[in-house]
Amino acid sequence: MKTHSISLADIKPIGKTVVNAMDKIAEVKTTRSITGASFHLSGDGYKKNYVSLPGKYHLPFRIDMTVKLDYPAFLLRIGEGHVYFASGHDTAWNKVNDIAKPDNKTCRDSFSFDNRVPFGEFVDISIIYNPDDMQILIGGEEKFYSRKQPYMSKKQMGALVALNTEGFELGFAVTKHSILTIKEISISEFDDNVPITRGGFELPDPNAPKPEREKPTFDNVLAKVVPQFQLEILEMDRFFKLLRPMRFKRVIDKSVCKITYVASDVGISYTIVASGAETFHNFGWYVVYSGPSRNMASQSRLHG
């Protein structure tokens, strides 16, 4: 086994990113929105705007880090694949993107990964990649385990061997509003498989009947919010219903995670996202114009 303790001063910014290496910590920031979304890592923008760790690493390996995040979200790059943490309300996003076949397609494993992290405090995270299994620990608890990632299949063996011969680059990407504070990070390369102690995580049985789809109702979304926010949302709901002369329409999305109030006559929308890493609300406005199409839009995100 060979362990590499990463010097925080050697973390290199790529694209629109900044690294502030201070005494015993490094802060990672993105200086502009990536892929057109100020609070969501999607598409491949994170492959152009990220910070890179020195060196390249070979499976089997274990990544151990102590980090702090103040706002969703951040992503650990492993070659062209990634592991996505604190991904907010977008549960369909591929939280574990394969290292040999990074096609950005949502896989069954991804939905099962509980990638929440506590905000504003340091947490220990470990990721283990073996040729035939992988594991993710957050705060010492097993949050993901798989023996069915695409890179483990015989079809991808040739691609994996080629990539592993060259070695995998590691790095981080964060959203514009986020600050990722790195306290410590190390990578351990093993001659044989990394020892894994299993926890309580289990992938759902693919043959099990699908759960009944949740109905998109106001009450079902409200139930996903912590109790101290439920009363505030009910007060907001009453406020928008009584607000005149603006006529707000309440819309519940099909994924049962968003409540949106829209006053189309005056070009105002207000959204509460009540599912994922944290609850937040979003205020948007646009110009209502009766002549030829001239769209103008702006959006403000409020952390709550």
Protein backbone atom coordinates (compact mmCIF):
# COMPACT_ATOMS: atom_id res chain seq x y z
CA MET A 1 0.00 0.00 0.00
CA LYS A 2 1.20 3.51 -0.84
CA THR A 3 -0.48 6.52 0.76
CA HIS A 4 -0.29 10.01 -0.77
CA SER A 5 -1.01 12.87 1.66
CA ILE A 6 -1.99 15.78 -0.58
CA SER A 7 -0.44 19.17 0.09
CA LEU A 8 -3.32 21.66 -0.06
CA ALA A 9 -0.98 24.21 -1.65
CA ASP A 10 -0.58 21.88 -4.65
CA ILE A 11 -4.26 21.88 -5.60
CA LYS A 12 -4.48 23.52 -9.03
CA PRO A 13 -7.46 25.58 -10.29
CA ILE A 14 -8.72 24.84 -13.82
CA GLY A 15 -11.09 27.19 -15.65
CA LYS A 16 -13.28 29.55 -13.63
CA THR A 17 -12.22 28.33 -10.20
CA VAL A 18 -10.19 29.69 -7.30
CA VAL A 19 -8.24 27.91 -4.57
CA ASN A 20 -7.32 29.82 -1.43
CA ALA A 21 -4.75 27.74 0.45
CA MET A 22 -4.46 28.97 4.03
CA ASP A 23 -3.06 27.57 7.25
CA LYS A 24 -4.13 23.90 7.29
CA ILE A 25 -7.19 24.43 5.04
CA ALA A 26 -7.97 25.21 1.40
CA GLU A 27 -11.15 26.87 0.13
CA VAL A 28 -12.44 25.98 -3.32
CA LYS A 29 -14.79 28.34 -5.18
CA THR A 30 -16.24 28.68 -8.66
CA THR A 31 -16.22 32.26 -9.95
CA ARG A 32 -19.12 31.99 -12.35
CA SER A 33 -22.13 29.82 -13.12
CA ILE A 34 -21.26 26.64 -14.98
CA THR A 35 -23.41 25.13 -17.74
CA GLY A 36 -25.84 28.01 -17.41
CA ALA A 37 -27.10 27.00 -13.97
CA SER A 38 -25.91 28.91 -10.93
CA PHE A 39 -26.79 26.27 -8.39
CA HIS A 40 -26.75 22.97 -10.25
CA LEU A 41 -23.91 20.81 -11.53
CA SER A 42 -25.23 19.40 -14.77
CA GLY A 43 -23.99 18.66 -18.24
CA ASP A 44 -20.21 18.65 -18.49
CA GLY A 45 -19.35 22.18 -17.29
CA TYR A 46 -17.68 20.72 -14.21
CA LYS A 47 -15.12 19.10 -16.52
CA LYS A 48 -13.94 22.56 -17.57
CA ASN A 49 -14.20 24.39 -14.23
CA TYR A 50 -12.71 22.41 -11.37
CA VAL A 51 -9.64 22.04 -9.18
CA SER A 52 -7.14 19.25 -9.80
CA LEU A 53 -5.15 17.26 -7.27
CA PRO A 54 -1.51 16.55 -8.10
CA GLY A 55 -0.62 13.20 -9.67
CA LYS A 56 -2.63 10.30 -11.07
CA TYR A 57 -3.80 7.26 -9.18
CA HIS A 58 -4.42 3.59 -9.90
CA LEU A 59 -7.08 1.14 -8.76
CA PRO A 60 -7.53 -0.30 -6.24
CA PHE A 61 -7.49 2.91 -4.22
CA ARG A 62 -9.16 4.59 -1.27
CA ILE A 63 -9.80 8.33 -1.03
CA ASP A 64 -10.11 9.78 2.48
CA MET A 65 -10.98 13.44 3.00
CA THR A 66 -12.23 15.82 5.65
CA VAL A 67 -14.26 18.62 4.08
CA LYS A 68 -16.84 21.26 4.91
CA LEU A 69 -19.55 22.54 2.58
CA ASP A 70 -21.64 25.63 3.25
CA TYR A 71 -24.14 25.26 0.41
CA PRO A 72 -25.01 22.58 -2.19
CA ALA A 73 -23.25 21.11 -4.01
CA PHE A 74 -19.84 19.59 -4.75
CA LEU A 75 -18.54 16.86 -6.94
CA LEU A 76 -15.46 14.64 -6.71
CA ARG A 77 -14.01 13.92 -10.13
CA ILE A 78 -12.39 10.52 -10.76
CA GLY A 79 -11.03 10.69 -14.30
CA GLU A 80 -14.08 11.41 -16.46
CA GLY A 81 -16.41 9.92 -13.85
CA HIS A 82 -17.58 11.49 -10.60
CA VAL A 83 -19.28 11.13 -7.24
CA TYR A 84 -21.79 13.90 -6.53
CA PHE A 85 -22.51 15.13 -2.97
CA ALA A 86 -25.34 17.29 -1.55
CA SER A 87 -27.09 17.30 -4.90
CA GLY A 88 -30.17 19.21 -3.76
CA HIS A 89 -33.60 18.51 -5.20
CA ASP A 90 -32.48 16.93 -8.46
CA THR A 91 -32.82 13.28 -7.49
CA ALA A 92 -32.62 12.14 -11.13
CA TRP A 93 -29.07 13.39 -11.53
CA ASN A 94 -26.42 10.70 -11.85
CA LYS A 95 -24.83 10.89 -8.42
CA VAL A 96 -22.34 8.12 -9.23
CA ASN A 97 -21.03 8.47 -12.79
CA ASP A 98 -18.94 5.53 -13.94
CA ILE A 99 -15.16 5.89 -14.31
CA ALA A 100 -14.86 3.63 -17.39
CA LYS A 101 -18.13 4.53 -19.11
CA PRO A 102 -18.98 8.12 -18.06
CA ASP A 103 -22.12 8.54 -20.17
CA ASN A 104 -24.05 10.74 -17.70
CA LYS A 105 -27.00 8.37 -17.85
CA THR A 106 -28.96 7.88 -14.66
CA CYS A 107 -28.41 4.38 -13.29
CA ARG A 108 -30.38 2.41 -10.71
CA ASP A 109 -27.50 2.57 -8.23
CA SER A 110 -27.45 6.37 -8.35
CA PHE A 111 -30.96 6.77 -6.95
CA SER A 112 -30.02 4.70 -3.90
CA PHE A 113 -26.97 6.72 -2.89
CA ASP A 114 -27.77 8.91 0.13
CA ASN A 115 -25.35 11.72 -0.72
CA ARG A 116 -26.43 14.24 1.91
CA VAL A 117 -23.72 15.93 3.97
CA PRO A 118 -24.13 18.22 6.99
CA PHE A 119 -23.66 21.88 6.10
CA GLY A 120 -21.27 24.19 7.91
CA GLU A 121 -19.26 21.49 9.66
CA PHE A 122 -16.39 19.21 8.77
CA VAL A 123 -17.28 15.66 7.81
CA ASP A 124 -15.13 12.64 6.98
CA ILE A 125 -15.80 11.07 3.58
CA SER A 126 -14.20 7.92 2.17
CA ILE A 127 -14.57 6.44 -1.32
CA ILE A 128 -13.20 2.99 -2.16
CA TYR A 129 -12.72 1.76 -5.72
CA ASN A 130 -11.89 -1.91 -6.20
CA PRO A 131 -12.05 -3.69 -9.57
CA ASP A 132 -15.15 -5.59 -8.47
CA ASP A 133 -16.83 -3.38 -5.84
CA MET A 134 -16.98 0.17 -4.50
CA GLN A 135 -18.11 1.84 -1.29
CA ILE A 136 -18.83 5.37 -0.08
CA LEU A 137 -18.76 6.33 3.60
CA ILE A 138 -20.03 9.66 4.96
CA GLY A 139 -19.34 10.37 8.62
CA GLY A 140 -18.22 6.77 9.04
CA GLU A 141 -21.55 5.36 7.78
CA GLU A 142 -21.90 3.30 4.63
CA LYS A 143 -24.08 5.34 2.27
CA PHE A 144 -23.42 3.40 -0.93
CA TYR A 145 -22.10 0.02 -1.99
CA SER A 146 -22.16 -1.57 -5.43
CA ARG A 147 -20.86 -4.58 -7.29
CA LYS A 148 -22.64 -3.59 -10.49
CA GLN A 149 -21.01 -0.39 -11.67
CA PRO A 150 -20.36 -0.47 -15.45
CA TYR A 151 -16.56 -0.38 -14.97
CA MET A 152 -16.78 -3.75 -13.18
CA SER A 153 -18.30 -5.58 -16.16
CA LYS A 154 -16.35 -7.79 -18.55
CA LYS A 155 -17.39 -5.52 -21.45
CA GLN A 156 -15.52 -2.59 -19.88
CA MET A 157 -12.46 -4.56 -18.80
CA GLY A 158 -10.33 -3.36 -21.72
CA ALA A 159 -11.32 0.28 -21.21
CA LEU A 160 -10.70 0.07 -17.46
CA VAL A 161 -7.25 -1.51 -17.90
CA ALA A 162 -6.23 1.22 -20.35
CA LEU A 163 -7.47 4.00 -18.09
CA ASN A 164 -5.91 2.47 -15.01
CA THR A 165 -2.56 2.05 -16.73
CA GLU A 166 -2.48 5.79 -17.34
CA GLY A 167 -3.96 6.58 -13.93
CA PHE A 168 -6.98 8.61 -12.83
CA GLU A 169 -6.86 12.35 -12.23
CA LEU A 170 -8.76 13.47 -9.13
CA GLY A 171 -10.33 16.84 -8.44
CA PHE A 172 -13.32 18.81 -7.16
CA ALA A 173 -16.02 20.95 -8.73
CA VAL A 174 -18.41 23.18 -6.78
CA THR A 175 -21.39 25.33 -7.67
CA LYS A 176 -21.02 29.10 -7.85
CA HIS A 177 -22.68 29.78 -4.52
CA SER A 178 -20.75 27.08 -2.67
CA ILE A 179 -17.49 27.12 -0.74
CA LEU A 180 -15.84 23.75 -0.25
CA THR A 181 -13.29 23.83 2.57
CA ILE A 182 -10.75 21.01 2.46
CA LYS A 183 -9.03 20.20 5.72
CA GLU A 184 -7.29 16.99 4.73
CA ILE A 185 -7.19 14.59 1.81
CA SER A 186 -5.19 11.44 1.12
CA ILE A 187 -5.23 8.70 -1.51
CA SER A 188 -4.06 5.18 -0.72
CA GLU A 189 -3.18 2.82 -3.59
CA PHE A 190 -3.30 -0.91 -2.84
CA ASP A 191 -1.60 -3.88 -4.49
CA ASP A 192 -4.67 -6.02 -3.77
CA ASN A 193 -8.27 -5.05 -3.13
CA VAL A 194 -8.92 -2.37 -0.53
CA PRO A 195 -10.43 -4.04 2.56
CA ILE A 196 -14.11 -3.17 2.90
CA THR A 197 -16.20 -3.48 6.04
CA ARG A 198 -19.83 -3.58 5.03
CA GLY A 199 -22.45 -1.43 6.71
CA GLY A 200 -26.22 -1.44 6.42
CA PHE A 201 -26.58 -0.16 2.85
CA GLU A 202 -28.38 -2.41 0.40
CA LEU A 203 -29.48 -1.70 -3.16
CA PRO A 204 -33.20 -2.24 -3.72
CA ASP A 205 -34.25 -5.57 -5.20
CA PRO A 206 -34.73 -5.00 -8.96
CA ASN A 207 -37.51 -7.61 -8.93
CA ALA A 208 -39.41 -5.95 -6.10
CA PRO A 209 -42.66 -4.22 -7.11
CA LYS A 210 -42.32 -0.52 -7.73
CA PRO A 211 -43.69 1.66 -4.94
CA GLU A 212 -46.90 3.49 -5.64
CA ARG A 213 -46.20 6.82 -7.27
CA GLU A 214 -46.68 9.76 -4.93
CA LYS A 215 -49.50 12.11 -5.86
CA PRO A 216 -48.41 15.70 -6.66
CA THR A 217 -50.39 17.49 -3.94
CA PHE A 218 -49.61 20.50 -1.77
CA ASP A 219 -49.80 18.40 1.41
CA ASN A 220 -47.38 15.78 0.06
CA VAL A 221 -44.76 18.42 -0.74
CA LEU A 222 -45.31 20.18 2.58
CA ALA A 223 -44.68 16.91 4.45
CA LYS A 224 -41.10 16.85 3.11
CA VAL A 225 -40.22 20.12 4.86
CA VAL A 226 -38.90 20.20 8.41
CA PRO A 227 -41.68 21.15 10.90
CA GLN A 228 -40.32 24.62 11.70
CA PHE A 229 -40.70 25.61 8.01
CA GLN A 230 -44.14 24.13 7.43
CA LEU A 231 -45.99 26.94 9.21
CA GLU A 232 -44.04 29.54 7.25
CA ILE A 233 -44.97 27.87 3.96
CA LEU A 234 -48.63 27.75 4.99
CA GLU A 235 -48.47 31.49 5.76
CA MET A 236 -46.88 32.13 2.34
CA ASP A 237 -49.63 30.11 0.70
CA ARG A 238 -52.34 32.20 2.38
CA PHE A 239 -50.51 35.40 1.45
CA PHE A 240 -50.33 34.56 -2.26
CA LYS A 241 -54.00 33.52 -2.35
CA LEU A 242 -55.08 36.87 -0.87
CA LEU A 243 -52.70 39.06 -2.85
CA ARG A 244 -54.60 41.26 -5.27
CA PRO A 245 -54.71 42.57 -7.98
CA MET A 246 -52.06 39.97 -8.86
CA ARG A 247 -53.55 36.54 -9.43
CA PHE A 248 -51.11 33.84 -8.33
CA LYS A 249 -51.60 30.28 -9.49
CA ARG A 250 -50.20 27.49 -7.33
CA VAL A 251 -48.51 24.67 -9.27
CA ILE A 252 -47.21 21.37 -7.84
CA ASP A 253 -44.60 19.63 -10.02
CA LYS A 254 -44.91 15.96 -10.94
CA SER A 255 -41.82 15.00 -8.93
CA VAL A 256 -43.60 16.19 -5.76
CA CYS A 257 -40.69 18.35 -4.63
CA LYS A 258 -41.63 21.88 -5.73
CA ILE A 259 -44.41 24.38 -5.04
CA THR A 260 -44.50 27.27 -7.50
CA TYR A 261 -46.65 30.40 -7.37
CA VAL A 262 -46.95 32.12 -10.74
CA ALA A 263 -48.51 35.50 -11.54
CA SER A 264 -48.20 35.38 -15.32
CA ASP A 265 -49.92 38.73 -15.89
CA VAL A 266 -47.17 40.61 -14.05
CA GLY A 267 -44.26 38.25 -14.71
CA ILE A 268 -43.48 37.00 -11.20
CA SER A 269 -42.82 33.48 -9.94
CA TYR A 270 -41.89 32.14 -6.53
CA THR A 271 -40.76 28.55 -5.98
CA ILE A 272 -40.19 26.50 -2.85
CA VAL A 273 -38.06 23.39 -3.35
CA ALA A 274 -38.76 20.99 -0.52
CA SER A 275 -36.80 17.88 -1.36
CA GLY A 276 -33.14 16.91 -1.35
CA ALA A 277 -30.13 18.13 0.56
CA GLU A 278 -31.96 21.18 1.89
CA THR A 279 -35.08 23.26 1.43
CA PHE A 280 -34.68 26.53 -0.45
CA HIS A 281 -36.82 29.12 -2.18
CA ASN A 282 -36.36 30.90 -5.48
CA PHE A 283 -37.76 34.24 -6.70
CA GLY A 284 -37.95 34.97 -10.41
CA TRP A 285 -39.28 37.74 -12.58
CA TYR A 286 -39.63 38.48 -16.28
CA VAL A 287 -40.92 41.26 -18.52
CA VAL A 288 -44.45 40.83 -19.84
CA TYR A 289 -44.52 42.30 -23.34
CA SER A 290 -47.53 42.30 -25.66
CA GLY A 291 -45.64 43.10 -28.88
CA PRO A 292 -43.15 40.96 -30.84
CA SER A 293 -41.41 38.37 -28.70
CA ARG A 294 -38.68 39.93 -26.55
CA ASN A 295 -37.94 37.69 -23.64
CA MET A 296 -36.14 39.03 -20.62
CA ALA A 297 -35.68 37.04 -17.46
CA SER A 298 -33.87 37.15 -14.17
CA GLN A 299 -33.71 34.87 -11.20
CA SER A 300 -32.66 35.15 -7.58
CA ARG A 301 -32.01 32.24 -5.27
CA LEU A 302 -32.69 32.65 -1.58
CA HIS A 303 -31.04 30.27 0.87
CA GLY A 304 -33.50 29.13 3.47
